[in-house]
Structure formats: structure tokens, C-alpha cells
C-alpha atoms as a PDB file:
ATOM      1  CA  MET A   1     -28.924 -51.525  -5.042  1.00  0.00           C
ATOM      2  CA  LYS A   2     -27.065 -50.170  -2.082  1.00  0.00           C
ATOM      3  CA  GLU A   3     -23.738 -51.319  -3.531  1.00  0.00           C
ATOM      4  CA  LYS A   4     -24.425 -49.507  -6.786  1.00  0.00           C
ATOM      5  CA  GLN A   5     -25.187 -46.278  -4.904  1.00  0.00           C
ATOM      6  CA  GLU A   6     -21.939 -46.663  -2.955  1.00  0.00           C
ATOM      7  CA  ARG A   7     -19.942 -47.203  -6.167  1.00  0.00           C
ATOM      8  CA  ASP A   8     -21.624 -44.193  -7.794  1.00  0.00           C
ATOM      9  CA  ALA A   9     -20.896 -42.087  -4.710  1.00  0.00           C
ATOM     10  CA  ALA A  10     -17.218 -43.258  -4.679  1.00  0.00           C
ATOM     11  CA  SER A  11     -16.757 -42.561  -8.400  1.00  0.00           C
ATOM     12  CA  SER A  12     -18.455 -39.178  -7.988  1.00  0.00           C
ATOM     13  CA  ALA A  13     -16.173 -38.340  -5.096  1.00  0.00           C
ATOM     14  CA  ALA A  14     -13.102 -39.308  -7.128  1.00  0.00           C
ATOM     15  CA  GLU A  15     -14.315 -37.208 -10.076  1.00  0.00           C
ATOM     16  CA  LEU A  16     -14.973 -34.310  -7.737  1.00  0.00           C
ATOM     17  CA  GLU A  17     -11.373 -34.483  -6.407  1.00  0.00           C
ATOM     18  CA  THR A  18     -10.003 -34.698  -9.938  1.00  0.00           C
ATOM     19  CA  LEU A  19     -12.065 -31.643 -10.972  1.00  0.00           C
ATOM     20  CA  LYS A  20     -11.021 -29.742  -7.806  1.00  0.00           C
ATOM     21  CA  ALA A  21      -7.288 -30.423  -8.612  1.00  0.00           C
ATOM     22  CA  GLN A  22      -7.800 -29.359 -12.221  1.00  0.00           C
ATOM     23  CA  ASN A  23      -9.619 -26.204 -11.128  1.00  0.00           C
ATOM     24  CA  ALA A  24      -6.812 -25.302  -8.674  1.00  0.00           C
ATOM     25  CA  LYS A  25      -4.305 -25.803 -11.494  1.00  0.00           C
ATOM     26  CA  TYR A  26      -6.282 -23.479 -13.827  1.00  0.00           C
ATOM     27  CA  GLU A  27      -6.669 -20.847 -11.099  1.00  0.00           C
ATOM     28  CA  GLU A  28      -2.894 -20.821 -10.519  1.00  0.00           C
ATOM     29  CA  HIS A  29      -2.283 -20.562 -14.278  1.00  0.00           C
ATOM     30  CA  THR A  30      -4.764 -17.687 -14.455  1.00  0.00           C
ATOM     31  CA  ARG A  31      -3.018 -15.944 -11.527  1.00  0.00           C
ATOM     32  CA  LYS A  32       0.356 -16.259 -13.287  1.00  0.00           C
ATOM     33  CA  LEU A  33      -1.044 -14.892 -16.552  1.00  0.00           C
ATOM     34  CA  SER A  34      -2.668 -11.969 -14.681  1.00  0.00           C
ATOM     35  CA  ASN A  35       0.685 -11.108 -13.112  1.00  0.00           C
ATOM     36  CA  GLN A  36       2.337 -11.287 -16.468  1.00  0.00           C
ATOM     37  CA  ILE A  37      -0.230  -8.943 -17.953  1.00  0.00           C
ATOM     38  CA  VAL A  38       0.348  -6.420 -15.127  1.00  0.00           C
ATOM     39  CA  ARG A  39       4.092  -6.543 -15.691  1.00  0.00           C
ATOM     40  CA  LEU A  40       3.733  -6.085 -19.418  1.00  0.00           C
ATOM     41  CA  ASN A  41       1.317  -3.176 -18.934  1.00  0.00           C
ATOM     42  CA  GLU A  42       3.793  -1.559 -16.642  1.00  0.00           C
ATOM     43  CA  LYS A  43       6.539  -1.953 -19.245  1.00  0.00           C
ATOM     44  CA  ILE A  44       4.297  -0.506 -21.969  1.00  0.00           C
ATOM     45  CA  LEU A  45       3.448   2.490 -19.755  1.00  0.00           C
ATOM     46  CA  GLU A  46       7.103   3.120 -19.046  1.00  0.00           C
ATOM     47  CA  GLN A  47       7.950   2.941 -22.767  1.00  0.00           C
ATOM     48  CA  GLN A  48       5.100   5.356 -23.586  1.00  0.00           C
ATOM     49  CA  LYS A  49       6.413   7.759 -20.932  1.00  0.00           C
ATOM     50  CA  GLN A  50       9.891   7.590 -22.346  1.00  0.00           C
ATOM     51  CA  HIS A  51       8.536   8.097 -25.877  1.00  0.00           C
ATOM     52  CA  ALA A  52       6.556  11.149 -24.773  1.00  0.00           C
ATOM     53  CA  ILE A  53       9.594  12.679 -23.028  1.00  0.00           C
ATOM     54  CA  ILE A  54      11.937  12.118 -26.022  1.00  0.00           C
ATOM     55  CA  SER A  55       9.253  13.381 -28.437  1.00  0.00           C
ATOM     56  CA  THR A  56       8.836  16.547 -26.364  1.00  0.00           C
ATOM     57  CA  LYS A  57      12.593  17.096 -26.278  1.00  0.00           C
ATOM     58  CA  LEU A  58      12.832  16.548 -29.971  1.00  0.00           C
ATOM     59  CA  ARG A  59       9.991  18.993 -30.618  1.00  0.00           C
ATOM     60  CA  HIS A  60      11.605  21.544 -28.356  1.00  0.00           C
ATOM     61  CA  LEU A  61      14.934  21.216 -30.177  1.00  0.00           C
ATOM     62  CA  GLN A  62      13.204  21.516 -33.555  1.00  0.00           C
ATOM     63  CA  MET A  63      11.471  24.664 -32.441  1.00  0.00           C
ATOM     64  CA  GLN A  64      14.683  26.500 -31.535  1.00  0.00           C
ATOM     65  CA  PRO A  65      15.591  29.298 -33.989  1.00  0.00           C
ATOM     66  CA  ALA A  66      17.917  28.375 -36.788  1.00  0.00           C
ATOM     67  CA  SER A  67      20.493  30.999 -35.685  1.00  0.00           C
ATOM     68  CA  GLU A  68      21.116  29.161 -32.388  1.00  0.00           C
ATOM     69  CA  PRO A  69      23.615  26.362 -32.562  1.00  0.00           C
ATOM     70  CA  LYS A  70      21.897  23.070 -32.229  1.00  0.00           C
ATOM     71  CA  PRO A  71      23.360  20.597 -29.737  1.00  0.00           C
ATOM     72  CA  SER A  72      24.958  17.464 -31.026  1.00  0.00           C
ATOM     73  CA  THR A  73      23.197  14.132 -30.763  1.00  0.00           C
ATOM     74  CA  ALA A  74      25.496  13.252 -27.819  1.00  0.00           C
ATOM     75  CA  THR A  75      23.700  15.878 -25.616  1.00  0.00           C
ATOM     76  CA  ILE A  76      20.239  14.829 -26.855  1.00  0.00           C
ATOM     77  CA  THR A  77      20.605  11.318 -25.497  1.00  0.00           C
ATOM     78  CA  VAL A  78      19.084  10.635 -22.099  1.00  0.00           C
ATOM     79  CA  SER A  79      21.922   9.733 -19.826  1.00  0.00           C
ATOM     80  CA  SER A  80      23.145  10.659 -16.365  1.00  0.00           C
ATOM     81  CA  SER A  81      26.669  11.270 -17.689  1.00  0.00           C
ATOM     82  CA  SER A  82      25.649  14.548 -19.425  1.00  0.00           C
ATOM     83  CA  ALA A  83      24.908  16.362 -16.142  1.00  0.00           C
ATOM     84  CA  ALA A  84      26.282  19.729 -17.344  1.00  0.00           C
ATOM     85  CA  ALA A  85      24.142  19.668 -20.473  1.00  0.00           C
ATOM     86  CA  SER A  86      21.019  18.725 -18.534  1.00  0.00           C
ATOM     87  CA  GLU A  87      21.555  21.573 -16.000  1.00  0.00           C
ATOM     88  CA  ASP A  88      21.691  24.170 -18.802  1.00  0.00           C
ATOM     89  CA  TRP A  89      18.902  22.663 -20.890  1.00  0.00           C
ATOM     90  CA  GLN A  90      15.416  23.057 -19.491  1.00  0.00           C
ATOM     91  CA  PRO A  91      12.619  21.736 -21.828  1.00  0.00           C
ATOM     92  CA  PHE A  92       9.793  23.817 -20.402  1.00  0.00           C
ATOM     93  CA  LYS A  93       8.893  26.094 -17.495  1.00  0.00           C
ATOM     94  CA  ARG A  94       7.308  24.635 -14.467  1.00  0.00           C
ATOM     95  CA  PRO A  95       3.509  25.009 -14.618  1.00  0.00           C
ATOM     96  CA  SER A  96       1.821  26.894 -11.835  1.00  0.00           C
ATOM     97  CA  ALA A  97      -0.516  25.248  -9.372  1.00  0.00           C
ATOM     98  CA  PRO A  98      -3.772  25.101 -11.486  1.00  0.00           C
ATOM     99  CA  SER A  99      -2.805  21.718 -12.945  1.00  0.00           C
ATOM    100  CA  SER A 100      -2.605  20.184  -9.506  1.00  0.00           C
ATOM    101  CA  ASN A 101      -6.362  20.085  -9.203  1.00  0.00           C
ATOM    102  CA  LEU A 102      -6.706  17.533 -12.044  1.00  0.00           C
ATOM    103  CA  ALA A 103      -7.946  14.244 -10.729  1.00  0.00           C
ATOM    104  CA  MET A 104      -6.202  11.132 -12.070  1.00  0.00           C
ATOM    105  CA  GLU A 105      -9.505   9.231 -12.086  1.00  0.00           C
ATOM    106  CA  ASP A 106     -12.657  10.575 -13.709  1.00  0.00           C
ATOM    107  CA  GLU A 107     -14.805   7.633 -12.798  1.00  0.00           C
ATOM    108  CA  GLU A 108     -14.116   4.620 -10.707  1.00  0.00           C
ATOM    109  CA  GLY A 109     -11.535   2.465 -12.508  1.00  0.00           C
ATOM    110  CA  GLU A 110     -11.033   4.939 -15.353  1.00  0.00           C
ATOM    111  CA  VAL A 111      -7.467   6.356 -15.225  1.00  0.00           C
ATOM    112  CA  PHE A 112      -6.563   9.666 -16.874  1.00  0.00           C
ATOM    113  CA  ASN A 113      -4.295   9.221 -19.956  1.00  0.00           C
ATOM    114  CA  ASN A 114      -1.462  11.724 -19.603  1.00  0.00           C
ATOM    115  CA  THR A 115       0.302  10.889 -22.841  1.00  0.00           C
ATOM    116  CA  TYR A 116      -0.057  14.469 -24.192  1.00  0.00           C
ATOM    117  CA  LEU A 117      -0.310  16.271 -20.891  1.00  0.00           C
ATOM    118  CA  THR A 118       3.112  17.906 -21.341  1.00  0.00           C
ATOM    119  CA  ASP A 119       2.070  19.376 -24.711  1.00  0.00           C
ATOM    120  CA  LEU A 120      -1.217  20.545 -23.261  1.00  0.00           C
ATOM    121  CA  LYS A 121       0.506  22.280 -20.382  1.00  0.00           C
ATOM    122  CA  LEU A 122       2.718  24.104 -22.855  1.00  0.00           C
ATOM    123  CA  GLY A 123      -0.206  25.146 -24.967  1.00  0.00           C
ATOM    124  CA  ARG A 124       0.731  23.041 -27.940  1.00  0.00           C
ATOM    125  CA  VAL A 125      -1.634  20.943 -29.982  1.00  0.00           C
ATOM    126  CA  PRO A 126      -0.101  17.599 -30.860  1.00  0.00           C
ATOM    127  CA  ASP A 127      -0.297  16.415 -34.432  1.00  0.00           C
ATOM    128  CA  MET A 128      -2.797  13.520 -34.299  1.00  0.00           C
ATOM    129  CA  THR A 129      -2.481  12.484 -37.989  1.00  0.00           C
END
């Protein structure tokens, strides 16, 4: 009887070690996937910011009166080589201090979505359709 208990204890210990190793492997895999999700979310956020900036620039250029000469597509592109064009062109006026009191978190863990914040600061209503 005692031998059977010792064998059961040994097999249980071996199974425990196997499950611990498997659990550690899954935890590491989960950690890697979480890091990958964070990196992808950062990339998505950066792309959304770039899209919002370019959309605002496009909207600003479309709102210029027809009598003004429109800049060529070379000056519309976002590049550091067009320093002279970027110095002359200012997409909007700097807002005054009232916007600085906006909290970036309404509730704990809930981050403010600033996708259309530029349009709201300028008093424009984005087309949601």
C-alpha cells in the first residue's frame, strides 16, 4: 500500500513539473503577444495621427478661395526638405489656453480620443457620414 502511495506521489510530482513548465511556456507566449499588441496599437495610433494631420491639411487647402493659386502636390507632401513652404504655410492659428484644461482621461483607464480635436478647436464639424 505504501509503495502505491509513493508511486502516485512520484507520478503526481512529475505531472506537476510538466504542468509548471507548460504554464511557464504559455505565460511567456502571452507576454510576447501582449508586447506585440502594444506595438501594433502604437503603430495604429501613429497612422491615425498622420491621417488626421493630412486630412486637416487637405481640408484647409480645399477651403482656400479659388482666386488664390493652389500649391502643387510637391508642397503638400509632408517632408523636411520643403522647409520654405512649411514656414509660409500655417494650417491654423494656435488656440489660446482654454484647451489646456482638458483632461486626457475622463475615468480611470479611459483615454480621450483626440482624432477630431483639431477640427473641434477650429470650430469645424467633421463629416461623419
